[in-house]
C-alpha atoms as a PDB file:
ATOM      1  CA  MET A   1      24.513   6.281 -51.029  1.00  0.00           C
ATOM      2  CA  THR A   2      25.866   8.390 -48.185  1.00  0.00           C
ATOM      3  CA  ASP A   3      29.290  10.010 -48.431  1.00  0.00           C
ATOM      4  CA  ALA A   4      30.623   7.435 -45.972  1.00  0.00           C
ATOM      5  CA  GLN A   5      29.285   4.542 -48.054  1.00  0.00           C
ATOM      6  CA  GLN A   6      30.753   6.028 -51.222  1.00  0.00           C
ATOM      7  CA  LYS A   7      34.157   6.411 -49.579  1.00  0.00           C
ATOM      8  CA  ARG A   8      34.012   2.804 -48.398  1.00  0.00           C
ATOM      9  CA  PHE A   9      33.042   1.688 -51.894  1.00  0.00           C
ATOM     10  CA  GLU A  10      35.966   3.646 -53.374  1.00  0.00           C
ATOM     11  CA  LYS A  11      38.386   2.103 -50.872  1.00  0.00           C
ATOM     12  CA  ILE A  12      37.204  -1.424 -51.665  1.00  0.00           C
ATOM     13  CA  LYS A  13      37.337  -0.741 -55.396  1.00  0.00           C
ATOM     14  CA  ASN A  14      40.947   0.397 -55.158  1.00  0.00           C
ATOM     15  CA  GLU A  15      41.944  -2.569 -53.006  1.00  0.00           C
ATOM     16  CA  VAL A  16      40.111  -5.302 -54.889  1.00  0.00           C
ATOM     17  CA  ALA A  17      40.075  -4.090 -58.492  1.00  0.00           C
ATOM     18  CA  GLY A  18      43.134  -1.904 -58.841  1.00  0.00           C
ATOM     19  CA  PHE A  19      44.373  -1.226 -62.354  1.00  0.00           C
ATOM     20  CA  ASN A  20      47.361  -3.566 -62.034  1.00  0.00           C
ATOM     21  CA  ARG A  21      45.093  -6.406 -60.945  1.00  0.00           C
ATOM     22  CA  GLY A  22      43.089  -6.036 -64.136  1.00  0.00           C
ATOM     23  CA  ILE A  23      46.126  -6.329 -66.402  1.00  0.00           C
ATOM     24  CA  ALA A  24      47.876  -9.118 -64.529  1.00  0.00           C
ATOM     25  CA  GLY A  25      44.824 -11.234 -63.951  1.00  0.00           C
ATOM     26  CA  ILE A  26      42.859 -10.768 -67.153  1.00  0.00           C
ATOM     27  CA  GLY A  27      41.678 -14.083 -68.508  1.00  0.00           C
ATOM     28  CA  THR A  28      42.907 -15.985 -65.464  1.00  0.00           C
ATOM     29  CA  MET A  29      40.984 -14.394 -62.616  1.00  0.00           C
ATOM     30  CA  GLY A  30      38.518 -16.595 -60.798  1.00  0.00           C
ATOM     31  CA  GLU A  31      36.081 -13.696 -60.816  1.00  0.00           C
ATOM     32  CA  LYS A  32      35.699 -10.385 -62.577  1.00  0.00           C
ATOM     33  CA  SER A  33      36.118  -7.061 -60.811  1.00  0.00           C
ATOM     34  CA  VAL A  34      32.406  -6.152 -60.648  1.00  0.00           C
ATOM     35  CA  HIS A  35      31.710  -9.386 -58.805  1.00  0.00           C
ATOM     36  CA  ALA A  36      34.724  -9.041 -56.507  1.00  0.00           C
ATOM     37  CA  VAL A  37      34.108  -5.391 -55.566  1.00  0.00           C
ATOM     38  CA  LEU A  38      30.403  -5.802 -54.836  1.00  0.00           C
ATOM     39  CA  LYS A  39      30.981  -9.006 -52.917  1.00  0.00           C
ATOM     40  CA  ASN A  40      33.407  -7.229 -50.581  1.00  0.00           C
ATOM     41  CA  PHE A  41      31.189  -4.140 -50.375  1.00  0.00           C
ATOM     42  CA  TYR A  42      28.039  -5.980 -49.298  1.00  0.00           C
ATOM     43  CA  ALA A  43      29.743  -8.460 -46.963  1.00  0.00           C
ATOM     44  CA  PRO A  44      29.293  -7.540 -43.276  1.00  0.00           C
ATOM     45  CA  SER A  45      32.756  -8.989 -42.533  1.00  0.00           C
ATOM     46  CA  LYS A  46      35.563 -10.954 -44.164  1.00  0.00           C
ATOM     47  CA  ASP A  47      34.352 -14.076 -42.342  1.00  0.00           C
ATOM     48  CA  ALA A  48      31.093 -13.892 -44.303  1.00  0.00           C
ATOM     49  CA  LEU A  49      32.854 -14.266 -47.681  1.00  0.00           C
ATOM     50  CA  GLU A  50      32.830 -17.547 -49.608  1.00  0.00           C
ATOM     51  CA  VAL A  51      31.039 -19.689 -47.044  1.00  0.00           C
ATOM     52  CA  ALA A  52      30.185 -23.345 -47.645  1.00  0.00           C
ATOM     53  CA  VAL A  53      26.431 -23.901 -47.301  1.00  0.00           C
ATOM     54  CA  ASN A  54      24.627 -27.188 -47.966  1.00  0.00           C
ATOM     55  CA  GLY A  55      27.154 -28.384 -50.531  1.00  0.00           C
ATOM     56  CA  TYR A  56      27.610 -25.034 -52.310  1.00  0.00           C
ATOM     57  CA  VAL A  57      29.700 -21.908 -51.731  1.00  0.00           C
ATOM     58  CA  ALA A  58      27.732 -18.725 -51.037  1.00  0.00           C
ATOM     59  CA  ASP A  59      29.319 -15.420 -52.083  1.00  0.00           C
ATOM     60  CA  ILE A  60      28.249 -13.941 -48.745  1.00  0.00           C
ATOM     61  CA  CYS A  61      26.658 -15.745 -45.818  1.00  0.00           C
ATOM     62  CA  ASP A  62      25.835 -13.979 -42.561  1.00  0.00           C
ATOM     63  CA  THR A  63      25.029 -16.860 -40.229  1.00  0.00           C
ATOM     64  CA  SER A  64      24.008 -14.488 -37.430  1.00  0.00           C
ATOM     65  CA  SER A  65      20.998 -13.336 -39.465  1.00  0.00           C
ATOM     66  CA  ASN A  66      20.595 -16.347 -41.776  1.00  0.00           C
ATOM     67  CA  ASN A  67      21.125 -14.160 -44.851  1.00  0.00           C
ATOM     68  CA  ILE A  68      22.883 -15.122 -48.067  1.00  0.00           C
ATOM     69  CA  ILE A  69      23.872 -12.681 -50.804  1.00  0.00           C
ATOM     70  CA  GLU A  70      24.795 -13.826 -54.300  1.00  0.00           C
ATOM     71  CA  ILE A  71      26.325 -11.418 -56.835  1.00  0.00           C
ATOM     72  CA  GLN A  72      25.027 -12.445 -60.257  1.00  0.00           C
ATOM     73  CA  THR A  73      25.732 -10.406 -63.393  1.00  0.00           C
ATOM     74  CA  ARG A  74      23.799 -12.717 -65.727  1.00  0.00           C
ATOM     75  CA  GLN A  75      22.508 -16.266 -66.278  1.00  0.00           C
ATOM     76  CA  PHE A  76      20.263 -16.468 -63.230  1.00  0.00           C
ATOM     77  CA  TYR A  77      19.117 -19.878 -64.475  1.00  0.00           C
ATOM     78  CA  SER A  78      22.521 -21.283 -63.481  1.00  0.00           C
ATOM     79  CA  MET A  79      21.604 -20.616 -59.833  1.00  0.00           C
ATOM     80  CA  LYS A  80      18.727 -23.079 -59.654  1.00  0.00           C
ATOM     81  CA  LYS A  81      20.616 -25.734 -57.696  1.00  0.00           C
ATOM     82  CA  LYS A  82      21.985 -23.155 -55.267  1.00  0.00           C
ATOM     83  CA  LEU A  83      18.542 -21.688 -54.686  1.00  0.00           C
ATOM     84  CA  LYS A  84      17.105 -25.127 -54.049  1.00  0.00           C
ATOM     85  CA  ALA A  85      19.818 -25.719 -51.441  1.00  0.00           C
ATOM     86  CA  PHE A  86      19.720 -22.263 -49.818  1.00  0.00           C
ATOM     87  CA  LEU A  87      16.087 -21.118 -49.739  1.00  0.00           C
ATOM     88  CA  PRO A  88      14.648 -23.621 -47.251  1.00  0.00           C
ATOM     89  CA  GLU A  89      16.979 -22.299 -44.536  1.00  0.00           C
ATOM     90  CA  PHE A  90      18.137 -18.818 -45.589  1.00  0.00           C
ATOM     91  CA  ASP A  91      16.913 -15.503 -46.912  1.00  0.00           C
ATOM     92  CA  VAL A  92      18.673 -15.101 -50.260  1.00  0.00           C
ATOM     93  CA  THR A  93      19.280 -11.763 -51.983  1.00  0.00           C
ATOM     94  CA  ILE A  94      20.503 -11.800 -55.569  1.00  0.00           C
ATOM     95  CA  VAL A  95      22.479  -8.632 -56.286  1.00  0.00           C
ATOM     96  CA  TYR A  96      22.266  -7.700 -59.965  1.00  0.00           C
ATOM     97  CA  PRO A  97      24.979  -5.243 -61.097  1.00  0.00           C
ATOM     98  CA  LEU A  98      23.758  -3.034 -63.947  1.00  0.00           C
ATOM     99  CA  PRO A  99      26.274  -0.715 -65.671  1.00  0.00           C
ATOM    100  CA  VAL A 100      23.895   2.046 -66.788  1.00  0.00           C
ATOM    101  CA  GLN A 101      26.841   4.265 -67.734  1.00  0.00           C
ATOM    102  CA  LYS A 102      30.060   2.768 -69.037  1.00  0.00           C
ATOM    103  CA  TYR A 103      33.320   4.027 -70.483  1.00  0.00           C
ATOM    104  CA  VAL A 104      35.464   1.720 -72.630  1.00  0.00           C
ATOM    105  CA  PHE A 105      39.258   1.909 -72.450  1.00  0.00           C
ATOM    106  CA  ASN A 106      41.479   0.126 -74.967  1.00  0.00           C
ATOM    107  CA  ILE A 107      44.707  -0.742 -73.180  1.00  0.00           C
ATOM    108  CA  ASP A 108      48.178  -1.747 -74.320  1.00  0.00           C
ATOM    109  CA  PRO A 109      48.809  -4.781 -72.063  1.00  0.00           C
ATOM    110  CA  GLU A 110      52.592  -4.349 -72.167  1.00  0.00           C
ATOM    111  CA  THR A 111      52.738  -0.709 -71.076  1.00  0.00           C
ATOM    112  CA  GLY A 112      49.359  -0.326 -69.402  1.00  0.00           C
ATOM    113  CA  SER A 113      48.784   2.891 -71.319  1.00  0.00           C
ATOM    114  CA  VAL A 114      45.362   3.914 -72.576  1.00  0.00           C
ATOM    115  CA  ILE A 115      45.168   3.783 -76.375  1.00  0.00           C
ATOM    116  CA  THR A 116      41.604   5.049 -76.733  1.00  0.00           C
ATOM    117  CA  LYS A 117      38.706   5.965 -74.452  1.00  0.00           C
ATOM    118  CA  ARG A 118      35.036   6.303 -75.365  1.00  0.00           C
ATOM    119  CA  LYS A 119      31.606   6.246 -73.803  1.00  0.00           C
ATOM    120  CA  SER A 120      29.798   3.018 -74.557  1.00  0.00           C
ATOM    121  CA  PRO A 121      26.726   3.569 -76.766  1.00  0.00           C
ATOM    122  CA  LYS A 122      25.055   0.455 -75.361  1.00  0.00           C
ATOM    123  CA  LYS A 123      22.104   1.327 -73.162  1.00  0.00           C
ATOM    124  CA  ARG A 124      21.160  -0.868 -70.220  1.00  0.00           C
ATOM    125  CA  SER A 125      17.787  -0.776 -68.519  1.00  0.00           C
ATOM    126  CA  ILE A 126      16.527  -1.773 -65.090  1.00  0.00           C
ATOM    127  CA  TYR A 127      14.041  -3.936 -67.011  1.00  0.00           C
ATOM    128  CA  ASP A 128      16.931  -6.202 -68.073  1.00  0.00           C
ATOM    129  CA  ILE A 129      16.528  -8.068 -64.794  1.00  0.00           C
ATOM    130  CA  PHE A 130      13.167  -9.453 -65.968  1.00  0.00           C
ATOM    131  CA  GLU A 131      14.793 -11.558 -68.678  1.00  0.00           C
ATOM    132  CA  GLU A 132      17.202 -12.959 -66.076  1.00  0.00           C
ATOM    133  CA  MET A 133      14.484 -13.550 -63.505  1.00  0.00           C
ATOM    134  CA  TYR A 134      12.423 -15.479 -66.018  1.00  0.00           C
ATOM    135  CA  GLY A 135      15.104 -18.191 -65.888  1.00  0.00           C
ATOM    136  CA  ILE A 136      14.316 -18.809 -62.187  1.00  0.00           C
ATOM    137  CA  ARG A 137      10.582 -18.089 -62.367  1.00  0.00           C
ATOM    138  CA  ASP A 138       9.724 -21.225 -60.376  1.00  0.00           C
ATOM    139  CA  TYR A 139      11.387 -19.679 -57.312  1.00  0.00           C
ATOM    140  CA  LEU A 140      10.066 -16.126 -57.525  1.00  0.00           C
ATOM    141  CA  ASN A 141       7.106 -16.600 -55.202  1.00  0.00           C
ATOM    142  CA  ASP A 142       9.322 -17.954 -52.441  1.00  0.00           C
ATOM    143  CA  PRO A 143       9.113 -15.356 -49.630  1.00  0.00           C
ATOM    144  CA  HIS A 144      12.798 -15.906 -48.805  1.00  0.00           C
ATOM    145  CA  LEU A 145      14.047 -14.747 -52.228  1.00  0.00           C
ATOM    146  CA  HIS A 146      14.885 -11.074 -52.787  1.00  0.00           C
ATOM    147  CA  PHE A 147      16.704  -8.976 -55.395  1.00  0.00           C
ATOM    148  CA  LYS A 148      18.777  -5.805 -55.444  1.00  0.00           C
ATOM    149  CA  ILE A 149      19.507  -3.974 -58.705  1.00  0.00           C
ATOM    150  CA  VAL A 150      22.727  -1.983 -58.383  1.00  0.00           C
ATOM    151  CA  CYS A 151      22.926   0.751 -61.040  1.00  0.00           C
ATOM    152  CA  LEU A 152      26.590   1.485 -61.682  1.00  0.00           C
ATOM    153  CA  GLU A 153      28.976   3.761 -63.450  1.00  0.00           C
ATOM    154  CA  ALA A 154      31.669   1.437 -64.742  1.00  0.00           C
ATOM    155  CA  GLU A 155      34.871   1.346 -66.749  1.00  0.00           C
ATOM    156  CA  GLU A 156      35.586  -1.496 -69.153  1.00  0.00           C
ATOM    157  CA  TYR A 157      39.233  -2.240 -69.899  1.00  0.00           C
ATOM    158  CA  ARG A 158      39.903  -4.069 -73.160  1.00  0.00           C
ATOM    159  CA  TYR A 159      43.389  -5.359 -73.734  1.00  0.00           C
ATOM    160  CA  LYS A 160      44.768  -4.987 -77.246  1.00  0.00           C
ATOM    161  CA  GLY A 161      46.248  -8.193 -78.614  1.00  0.00           C
ATOM    162  CA  LEU A 162      44.863 -10.408 -75.841  1.00  0.00           C
ATOM    163  CA  SER A 163      42.054 -12.675 -76.954  1.00  0.00           C
ATOM    164  CA  GLU A 164      40.739 -16.198 -76.664  1.00  0.00           C
ATOM    165  CA  GLN A 165      38.897 -18.500 -79.036  1.00  0.00           C
ATOM    166  CA  HIS A 166      35.297 -19.583 -78.501  1.00  0.00           C
ATOM    167  CA  GLY A 167      34.543 -21.933 -81.364  1.00  0.00           C
ATOM    168  CA  ARG A 168      34.832 -19.762 -84.457  1.00  0.00           C
ATOM    169  CA  LYS A 169      34.489 -16.504 -82.533  1.00  0.00           C
ATOM    170  CA  THR A 170      37.313 -14.491 -81.030  1.00  0.00           C
ATOM    171  CA  LYS A 171      36.628 -12.735 -77.757  1.00  0.00           C
ATOM    172  CA  ILE A 172      38.721  -9.770 -76.666  1.00  0.00           C
ATOM    173  CA  LEU A 173      39.753 -10.218 -73.054  1.00  0.00           C
ATOM    174  CA  SER A 174      38.407  -7.465 -70.848  1.00  0.00           C
ATOM    175  CA  ASP A 175      37.397  -6.576 -67.333  1.00  0.00           C
ATOM    176  CA  ILE A 176      34.744  -4.197 -66.032  1.00  0.00           C
ATOM    177  CA  VAL A 177      35.509  -2.156 -62.938  1.00  0.00           C
ATOM    178  CA  PRO A 178      32.647  -0.468 -61.040  1.00  0.00           C
ATOM    179  CA  VAL A 179      33.417   3.183 -60.349  1.00  0.00           C
ATOM    180  CA  ARG A 180      30.413   4.225 -58.270  1.00  0.00           C
ATOM    181  CA  ILE A 181      26.873   3.261 -57.413  1.00  0.00           C
ATOM    182  CA  PHE A 182      24.144   5.535 -58.776  1.00  0.00           C
ATOM    183  CA  GLU A 183      21.160   3.773 -57.257  1.00  0.00           C
ATOM    184  CA  GLU A 184      20.039   0.610 -55.491  1.00  0.00           C
ATOM    185  CA  ILE A 185      16.581  -0.791 -56.273  1.00  0.00           C
ATOM    186  CA  ASP A 186      15.276  -3.429 -53.875  1.00  0.00           C
ATOM    187  CA  ILE A 187      12.757  -6.067 -54.871  1.00  0.00           C
ATOM    188  CA  TYR A 188      11.874  -7.589 -51.526  1.00  0.00           C
ATOM    189  CA  GLU A 189       8.854  -9.611 -52.615  1.00  0.00           C
ATOM    190  CA  THR A 190       7.185 -10.581 -55.866  1.00  0.00           C
ATOM    191  CA  ARG A 191       4.477  -7.939 -55.757  1.00  0.00           C
ATOM    192  CA  ASP A 192       7.195  -5.253 -55.758  1.00  0.00           C
ATOM    193  CA  LEU A 193       7.587  -6.008 -59.486  1.00  0.00           C
ATOM    194  CA  ILE A 194       4.436  -3.965 -60.138  1.00  0.00           C
ATOM    195  CA  MET A 195       6.447  -0.807 -59.401  1.00  0.00           C
ATOM    196  CA  PHE A 196       8.202  -1.273 -62.745  1.00  0.00           C
ATOM    197  CA  LEU A 197       4.986  -0.632 -64.663  1.00  0.00           C
ATOM    198  CA  PRO A 198       4.696   3.035 -65.742  1.00  0.00           C
ATOM    199  CA  GLU A 199       1.677   4.762 -64.188  1.00  0.00           C
ATOM    200  CA  GLU A 200       0.327   5.880 -67.557  1.00  0.00           C
ATOM    201  CA  LEU A 201      -0.499   2.265 -68.450  1.00  0.00           C
ATOM    202  CA  GLY A 202      -3.337   2.213 -65.957  1.00  0.00           C
ATOM    203  CA  ASN A 203      -4.639  -1.227 -64.960  1.00  0.00           C
ATOM    204  CA  GLU A 204      -4.026  -2.996 -68.256  1.00  0.00           C
ATOM    205  CA  PHE A 205      -1.409  -3.128 -70.956  1.00  0.00           C
ATOM    206  CA  THR A 206      -0.163  -4.968 -74.021  1.00  0.00           C
ATOM    207  CA  ARG A 207       3.398  -5.758 -74.928  1.00  0.00           C
ATOM    208  CA  THR A 208       3.460  -2.788 -77.320  1.00  0.00           C
ATOM    209  CA  SER A 209       1.989  -0.281 -74.871  1.00  0.00           C
ATOM    210  CA  LEU A 210       4.482  -1.409 -72.207  1.00  0.00           C
ATOM    211  CA  SER A 211       7.349  -1.152 -74.685  1.00  0.00           C
ATOM    212  CA  THR A 212       6.367   2.422 -75.550  1.00  0.00           C
ATOM    213  CA  ALA A 213       5.732   3.589 -71.990  1.00  0.00           C
ATOM    214  CA  ALA A 214       8.883   2.041 -70.535  1.00  0.00           C
ATOM    215  CA  GLY A 215      11.169   2.867 -73.465  1.00  0.00           C
ATOM    216  CA  ILE A 216      12.256  -0.728 -73.993  1.00  0.00           C
ATOM    217  CA  ASN A 217      12.112  -3.049 -76.992  1.00  0.00           C
ATOM    218  CA  LYS A 218       9.170  -5.393 -77.499  1.00  0.00           C
ATOM    219  CA  ALA A 219      11.194  -8.513 -76.749  1.00  0.00           C
ATOM    220  CA  LEU A 220      12.106  -7.231 -73.286  1.00  0.00           C
ATOM    221  CA  ALA A 221       8.552  -5.983 -72.738  1.00  0.00           C
ATOM    222  CA  GLY A 222       7.447  -9.524 -73.527  1.00  0.00           C
ATOM    223  CA  TYR A 223       9.645 -10.880 -70.728  1.00  0.00           C
ATOM    224  CA  VAL A 224       8.190  -8.328 -68.296  1.00  0.00           C
ATOM    225  CA  ALA A 225       4.615  -9.293 -69.200  1.00  0.00           C
ATOM    226  CA  ALA A 226       5.383 -13.019 -69.098  1.00  0.00           C
ATOM    227  CA  LEU A 227       7.045 -12.786 -65.684  1.00  0.00           C
ATOM    228  CA  LEU A 228       4.170 -10.814 -64.206  1.00  0.00           C
ATOM    229  CA  TYR A 229       1.790 -13.427 -65.588  1.00  0.00           C
ATOM    230  CA  VAL A 230       3.607 -16.523 -64.261  1.00  0.00           C
ATOM    231  CA  THR A 231       3.903 -14.924 -60.807  1.00  0.00           C
ATOM    232  CA  GLY A 232       0.162 -14.194 -60.744  1.00  0.00           C
ATOM    233  CA  LEU A 233       0.486 -10.413 -60.734  1.00  0.00           C
ATOM    234  CA  VAL A 234      -1.483 -10.034 -63.975  1.00  0.00           C
ATOM    235  CA  THR A 235      -4.226 -12.075 -65.600  1.00  0.00           C
ATOM    236  CA  ARG A 236      -5.147 -12.728 -69.212  1.00  0.00           C
ATOM    237  CA  ASP A 237      -8.703 -13.559 -70.195  1.00  0.00           C
ATOM    238  CA  GLY A 238      -8.186 -13.915 -73.932  1.00  0.00           C
ATOM    239  CA  THR A 239      -8.984 -10.282 -74.720  1.00  0.00           C
ATOM    240  CA  ARG A 240      -6.806  -8.855 -77.483  1.00  0.00           C
ATOM    241  CA  SER A 241      -5.983  -5.331 -78.595  1.00  0.00           C
ATOM    242  CA  ASN A 242      -4.505  -4.927 -82.072  1.00  0.00           C
ATOM    243  CA  ARG A 243      -3.897  -8.694 -82.077  1.00  0.00           C
ATOM    244  CA  GLU A 244      -1.959  -8.529 -78.814  1.00  0.00           C
ATOM    245  CA  VAL A 245      -2.846 -10.120 -75.482  1.00  0.00           C
ATOM    246  CA  VAL A 246      -4.156  -7.688 -72.876  1.00  0.00           C
ATOM    247  CA  ASN A 247      -2.618  -8.058 -69.405  1.00  0.00           C
ATOM    248  CA  ARG A 248      -4.714  -6.877 -66.454  1.00  0.00           C
ATOM    249  CA  ILE A 249      -3.089  -6.049 -63.142  1.00  0.00           C
ATOM    250  CA  ASN A 250      -4.544  -8.051 -60.255  1.00  0.00           C
ATOM    251  CA  GLN A 251      -5.608  -6.271 -57.102  1.00  0.00           C
ATOM    252  CA  ILE A 252      -2.915  -6.791 -54.478  1.00  0.00           C
END
C-alpha cells in the first residue's frame, strides 16, 4: 500500500471501528469491524455501499463498471445464492480478510481499560482460502469471479464478563479491528491458483509433499490439492507415491 492508501485506511478505521464503537456495539452490531472497515475502504463511494441487486444486497456495487465486491471472512458456501444471482451480470470479487498477525486485548467493559494484552499464538496462512473456496467450487471456473486476500495486522478485543450461550458452549463476545494491511493477493482467474504451489514441488506433488513445502498441515494441503483437481488445474492418473495420490500440474 502507498502512504496515501495507508492514511486513508487509518482514517476509515478510526471512523468506522473506533474503540467506543466496539464496546457499545459488541454482540448487537449488524457487522463486525473487519467487515465494516474493509467495506468502506474498498467502496469507490458511499453510494456504492449496500446496494440491492437481483433480490440480494451487495456489500459494494459499482454500477458504472458492473463490479460487485463482497467482504467474506468465512463460510464462502453461504454465498452460493448471491453468486448465482450476481455472476450472470456482474464481475464479483470476494475479499477475504486474513489476520496474519493479531494481538488480543482483554477489556473491562465497564471502564474500557485493558486488563491484559498478548500476541495471538494462532497462525493463519494464505492457504486458508482454499478450504473456503472449496465450498463454492462449482463457481470457480466462472470468468466473472475473482478473489482478493487481504493480509492484516489486527487487534481482537475480548470483553470480560460479556458472553452468550451457543447450546452448551459459552462464547466470549469480541470484535476484531484491522490495524493495517500488510499485503493484497489477487486471484483474478482460476489458473492463478497455481502460484500458491511452491516451486520446489516441480510438476507433481502429493498431499504430504505439498504440506511440507508450504508449511501447512495435511488437512489444508488436502483442500489445496482437491480444489486444484476439481478446477482442472491438476490431473490424477491413479499413480501413488507412499500410498498417496500424485497430482500432476496441467500445462496452462
